[in-house]
N, C-alpha and C. Protein backbone atom coordinates (compact mmCIF):
# COMPACT_ATOMS: atom_id res chain seq x y z
N UNK A 1 126.00 78.76 160.79
CA UNK A 1 125.19 78.65 159.60
C UNK A 1 124.51 79.99 159.35
N UNK A 2 124.54 80.43 158.11
CA UNK A 2 123.90 81.70 157.78
C UNK A 2 122.43 81.49 157.48
N UNK A 3 121.67 82.51 157.77
CA UNK A 3 120.24 82.46 157.53
C UNK A 3 119.90 83.32 156.33
N UNK A 4 119.07 82.77 155.44
CA UNK A 4 118.63 83.57 154.30
C UNK A 4 117.60 84.59 154.79
N UNK A 5 117.72 85.79 154.29
CA UNK A 5 116.75 86.81 154.67
C UNK A 5 115.70 87.03 153.59
N UNK A 6 116.01 86.64 152.36
CA UNK A 6 115.07 86.82 151.26
C UNK A 6 114.76 85.47 150.63
N UNK A 7 113.50 85.23 150.39
CA UNK A 7 113.09 83.99 149.75
C UNK A 7 113.29 84.09 148.25
N UNK A 8 113.58 82.96 147.61
CA UNK A 8 113.62 82.94 146.16
C UNK A 8 112.20 83.17 145.64
N UNK A 9 112.05 83.48 144.37
CA UNK A 9 110.71 83.71 143.82
C UNK A 9 109.80 82.50 144.00
N UNK A 10 110.25 81.27 143.69
CA UNK A 10 109.36 80.12 143.92
C UNK A 10 109.01 79.94 145.39
N UNK A 11 109.99 80.15 146.28
CA UNK A 11 109.72 80.03 147.71
C UNK A 11 108.71 81.07 148.17
N UNK A 12 108.85 82.29 147.68
CA UNK A 12 107.93 83.36 148.05
C UNK A 12 106.52 83.06 147.55
N UNK A 13 106.42 82.58 146.32
CA UNK A 13 105.10 82.24 145.78
C UNK A 13 104.45 81.13 146.58
N UNK A 14 105.22 80.11 146.93
CA UNK A 14 104.68 79.02 147.73
C UNK A 14 104.27 79.52 149.11
N UNK A 15 105.08 80.37 149.70
CA UNK A 15 104.76 80.94 151.01
C UNK A 15 103.44 81.72 150.95
N UNK A 16 103.27 82.51 149.92
CA UNK A 16 102.05 83.31 149.80
C UNK A 16 100.83 82.42 149.60
N UNK A 17 100.96 81.40 148.76
CA UNK A 17 99.82 80.51 148.50
C UNK A 17 99.47 79.73 149.76
N UNK A 18 100.45 79.15 150.41
CA UNK A 18 100.19 78.32 151.58
C UNK A 18 99.84 79.14 152.83
N UNK A 19 100.36 80.36 152.92
CA UNK A 19 100.15 81.16 154.11
C UNK A 19 98.78 81.81 154.19
N UNK A 20 98.15 82.00 153.07
CA UNK A 20 96.86 82.67 153.04
C UNK A 20 95.73 81.66 153.09
N UNK A 21 94.62 82.08 153.67
CA UNK A 21 93.42 81.25 153.62
C UNK A 21 92.91 81.24 152.18
N UNK A 22 92.22 80.18 151.79
CA UNK A 22 91.71 80.14 150.41
C UNK A 22 90.70 81.26 150.16
N UNK A 23 90.72 81.80 148.97
CA UNK A 23 89.74 82.81 148.58
C UNK A 23 88.38 82.13 148.41
N UNK A 24 87.35 82.94 148.27
CA UNK A 24 86.02 82.37 148.04
C UNK A 24 86.00 81.56 146.75
N UNK A 25 86.69 82.04 145.72
CA UNK A 25 86.77 81.30 144.47
C UNK A 25 87.46 79.96 144.68
N UNK A 26 88.58 79.98 145.40
CA UNK A 26 89.31 78.74 145.66
C UNK A 26 88.44 77.78 146.46
N UNK A 27 87.74 78.27 147.45
CA UNK A 27 86.84 77.42 148.24
C UNK A 27 85.80 76.76 147.34
N UNK A 28 85.23 77.55 146.45
CA UNK A 28 84.22 77.01 145.53
C UNK A 28 84.82 75.93 144.63
N UNK A 29 86.02 76.16 144.13
CA UNK A 29 86.66 75.17 143.25
C UNK A 29 86.99 73.89 144.02
N UNK A 30 87.49 74.03 145.24
CA UNK A 30 87.78 72.86 146.06
C UNK A 30 86.52 72.04 146.31
N UNK A 31 85.41 72.74 146.60
CA UNK A 31 84.15 72.03 146.86
C UNK A 31 83.58 71.39 145.59
N UNK A 32 83.76 72.04 144.45
CA UNK A 32 83.32 71.43 143.19
C UNK A 32 84.11 70.16 142.90
N UNK A 33 85.41 70.22 143.11
CA UNK A 33 86.25 69.03 142.89
C UNK A 33 85.87 67.93 143.87
N UNK A 34 85.60 68.29 145.12
CA UNK A 34 85.19 67.29 146.12
C UNK A 34 83.88 66.62 145.71
N UNK A 35 82.93 67.42 145.24
CA UNK A 35 81.65 66.87 144.79
C UNK A 35 81.85 65.91 143.61
N UNK A 36 82.71 66.30 142.68
CA UNK A 36 83.00 65.44 141.53
C UNK A 36 83.59 64.10 141.99
N UNK A 37 84.55 64.16 142.89
CA UNK A 37 85.19 62.92 143.37
C UNK A 37 84.21 62.05 144.15
N UNK A 38 83.28 62.67 144.85
CA UNK A 38 82.29 61.94 145.64
C UNK A 38 81.30 61.21 144.74
N UNK A 39 80.95 61.82 143.62
CA UNK A 39 79.92 61.24 142.73
C UNK A 39 80.50 60.41 141.60
N UNK A 40 81.77 60.55 141.29
CA UNK A 40 82.39 59.83 140.18
C UNK A 40 83.45 58.86 140.70
N UNK A 41 83.06 57.61 140.84
CA UNK A 41 83.96 56.53 141.26
C UNK A 41 84.69 56.81 142.57
N UNK A 42 83.95 57.08 143.64
CA UNK A 42 84.59 57.44 144.91
C UNK A 42 85.42 56.32 145.52
N UNK A 43 85.17 55.08 145.14
CA UNK A 43 85.92 53.97 145.73
C UNK A 43 87.20 53.63 144.96
N UNK A 44 87.45 54.34 143.88
CA UNK A 44 88.66 54.09 143.07
C UNK A 44 89.85 54.87 143.63
N UNK A 45 91.06 54.44 143.32
CA UNK A 45 92.25 55.14 143.82
C UNK A 45 92.32 56.58 143.29
N UNK A 46 92.84 57.45 144.12
CA UNK A 46 93.09 58.84 143.74
C UNK A 46 94.55 58.96 143.36
N UNK A 47 94.82 59.74 142.32
CA UNK A 47 96.19 59.92 141.82
C UNK A 47 96.54 61.40 141.85
N UNK A 48 97.82 61.69 142.01
CA UNK A 48 98.30 63.07 142.01
C UNK A 48 97.99 63.76 140.69
N UNK A 49 98.09 63.04 139.59
CA UNK A 49 97.78 63.63 138.28
C UNK A 49 96.32 64.08 138.21
N UNK A 50 95.44 63.38 138.89
CA UNK A 50 94.02 63.77 138.91
C UNK A 50 93.85 65.06 139.71
N UNK A 51 94.60 65.23 140.78
CA UNK A 51 94.55 66.47 141.57
C UNK A 51 94.90 67.66 140.69
N UNK A 52 95.97 67.52 139.91
CA UNK A 52 96.41 68.59 139.02
C UNK A 52 95.38 68.83 137.92
N UNK A 53 94.87 67.75 137.36
CA UNK A 53 93.84 67.88 136.31
C UNK A 53 92.61 68.61 136.84
N UNK A 54 92.13 68.23 138.02
CA UNK A 54 90.94 68.86 138.57
C UNK A 54 91.16 70.34 138.84
N UNK A 55 92.35 70.69 139.31
CA UNK A 55 92.65 72.11 139.55
C UNK A 55 92.52 72.89 138.24
N UNK A 56 93.10 72.37 137.18
CA UNK A 56 93.05 73.05 135.89
C UNK A 56 91.63 73.05 135.32
N UNK A 57 90.97 71.94 135.42
CA UNK A 57 89.62 71.80 134.86
C UNK A 57 88.64 72.78 135.49
N UNK A 58 88.58 72.80 136.82
CA UNK A 58 87.60 73.64 137.48
C UNK A 58 87.97 75.12 137.42
N UNK A 59 89.27 75.44 137.42
CA UNK A 59 89.69 76.85 137.26
C UNK A 59 89.33 77.33 135.86
N UNK A 60 89.56 76.50 134.85
CA UNK A 60 89.23 76.89 133.47
C UNK A 60 87.73 77.03 133.28
N UNK A 61 86.95 76.21 133.96
CA UNK A 61 85.49 76.32 133.85
C UNK A 61 84.99 77.58 134.54
N UNK A 62 85.67 77.99 135.60
CA UNK A 62 85.25 79.17 136.35
C UNK A 62 85.65 80.46 135.63
N UNK A 63 86.80 80.44 134.99
CA UNK A 63 87.31 81.59 134.25
C UNK A 63 87.36 81.21 132.78
N UNK A 64 87.44 82.18 131.87
CA UNK A 64 87.35 81.88 130.44
C UNK A 64 88.62 81.27 129.84
N UNK A 65 88.86 80.01 130.09
CA UNK A 65 89.96 79.31 129.41
C UNK A 65 91.15 78.98 130.27
N UNK A 66 91.94 78.04 129.81
CA UNK A 66 93.12 77.58 130.54
C UNK A 66 94.22 78.63 130.59
N UNK A 67 94.34 79.45 129.56
CA UNK A 67 95.51 80.32 129.45
C UNK A 67 95.30 81.73 130.00
N UNK A 68 94.25 81.96 130.73
CA UNK A 68 94.07 83.29 131.31
C UNK A 68 94.85 83.39 132.62
N UNK A 69 95.21 84.60 132.98
CA UNK A 69 95.94 84.80 134.23
C UNK A 69 95.07 84.42 135.43
N UNK A 70 93.78 84.71 135.33
CA UNK A 70 92.88 84.38 136.44
C UNK A 70 92.78 82.87 136.64
N UNK A 71 92.65 82.14 135.54
CA UNK A 71 92.58 80.68 135.64
C UNK A 71 93.89 80.11 136.17
N UNK A 72 95.00 80.66 135.71
CA UNK A 72 96.31 80.18 136.19
C UNK A 72 96.47 80.45 137.68
N UNK A 73 96.06 81.63 138.12
CA UNK A 73 96.15 81.96 139.54
C UNK A 73 95.25 81.07 140.38
N UNK A 74 94.04 80.81 139.89
CA UNK A 74 93.12 79.93 140.63
C UNK A 74 93.66 78.51 140.69
N UNK A 75 94.29 78.06 139.60
CA UNK A 75 94.88 76.73 139.59
C UNK A 75 95.98 76.63 140.64
N UNK A 76 96.85 77.63 140.69
CA UNK A 76 97.94 77.61 141.67
C UNK A 76 97.42 77.66 143.10
N UNK A 77 96.38 78.47 143.32
CA UNK A 77 95.85 78.54 144.68
C UNK A 77 95.19 77.21 145.05
N UNK A 78 94.44 76.61 144.12
CA UNK A 78 93.83 75.30 144.36
C UNK A 78 94.92 74.30 144.76
N UNK A 79 95.98 74.24 143.97
CA UNK A 79 97.05 73.28 144.24
C UNK A 79 97.77 73.59 145.55
N UNK A 80 97.83 74.86 145.92
CA UNK A 80 98.45 75.23 147.18
C UNK A 80 97.64 74.83 148.39
N UNK A 81 96.33 74.74 148.23
CA UNK A 81 95.46 74.40 149.36
C UNK A 81 94.99 72.95 149.34
N UNK A 82 95.14 72.28 148.22
CA UNK A 82 94.76 70.86 148.12
C UNK A 82 95.99 70.01 148.43
N UNK A 83 96.01 69.32 149.55
CA UNK A 83 97.20 68.53 149.92
C UNK A 83 97.55 67.47 148.87
N UNK A 84 98.81 67.10 148.87
CA UNK A 84 99.28 66.05 147.98
C UNK A 84 98.53 64.75 148.32
N UNK A 85 98.22 63.98 147.30
CA UNK A 85 97.49 62.73 147.48
C UNK A 85 98.39 61.71 148.17
N UNK A 86 97.85 61.06 149.19
CA UNK A 86 98.59 60.00 149.90
C UNK A 86 98.43 58.67 149.18
N UNK A 87 99.43 57.84 149.28
CA UNK A 87 99.38 56.51 148.68
C UNK A 87 98.21 55.73 149.28
N UNK A 88 97.44 55.08 148.44
CA UNK A 88 96.33 54.25 148.89
C UNK A 88 95.04 55.01 149.15
N UNK A 89 95.06 56.32 148.97
CA UNK A 89 93.87 57.13 149.22
C UNK A 89 92.86 56.97 148.09
N UNK A 90 91.59 56.86 148.43
CA UNK A 90 90.55 56.76 147.40
C UNK A 90 90.08 58.16 147.03
N UNK A 91 89.34 58.22 145.93
CA UNK A 91 88.78 59.49 145.48
C UNK A 91 87.81 60.05 146.52
N UNK A 92 87.02 59.18 147.12
CA UNK A 92 86.08 59.61 148.15
C UNK A 92 86.79 60.14 149.39
N UNK A 93 87.86 59.48 149.79
CA UNK A 93 88.63 59.96 150.95
C UNK A 93 89.26 61.31 150.64
N UNK A 94 89.76 61.44 149.43
CA UNK A 94 90.39 62.71 149.07
C UNK A 94 89.35 63.83 148.99
N UNK A 95 88.13 63.50 148.62
CA UNK A 95 87.05 64.48 148.62
C UNK A 95 86.87 65.08 150.02
N UNK A 96 86.96 64.24 151.04
CA UNK A 96 86.87 64.74 152.42
C UNK A 96 88.00 65.69 152.76
N UNK A 97 89.19 65.39 152.25
CA UNK A 97 90.36 66.25 152.45
C UNK A 97 90.12 67.61 151.81
N UNK A 98 89.56 67.59 150.58
CA UNK A 98 89.30 68.85 149.88
C UNK A 98 88.22 69.68 150.61
N UNK A 99 87.22 69.01 151.13
CA UNK A 99 86.19 69.74 151.87
C UNK A 99 86.78 70.40 153.12
N UNK A 100 87.68 69.70 153.79
CA UNK A 100 88.35 70.28 154.97
C UNK A 100 89.24 71.46 154.56
N UNK A 101 89.93 71.32 153.45
CA UNK A 101 90.79 72.41 152.96
C UNK A 101 89.96 73.65 152.64
N UNK A 102 88.77 73.43 152.12
CA UNK A 102 87.90 74.56 151.78
C UNK A 102 87.41 75.29 153.02
N UNK A 103 87.35 74.59 154.14
CA UNK A 103 86.88 75.20 155.38
C UNK A 103 88.00 75.88 156.18
N UNK A 104 89.23 75.64 155.77
CA UNK A 104 90.40 76.19 156.52
C UNK A 104 90.41 77.70 156.51
């Protein structure tokens, strides 16, 4: 079996996002999202679509708008450090996951 020596662009981007520790901005966004989930219906189910929404929402609030490169980069880093939502997980439980991701 041959081994690839070069990653595709998506693979390289994922490697860079997952391989690096979160930036201070990313940590702040993860903690803001965790606080939101803790105070807003923490006993309700958490959905993957909410994870994506929160990444975009808090990145856009931190930077001037959804379509800026900085907001897009922060969104990608947030999503790279925020694990995929598990089936049956509540918003409050996922808040704990985000707090742990921010400390990584």
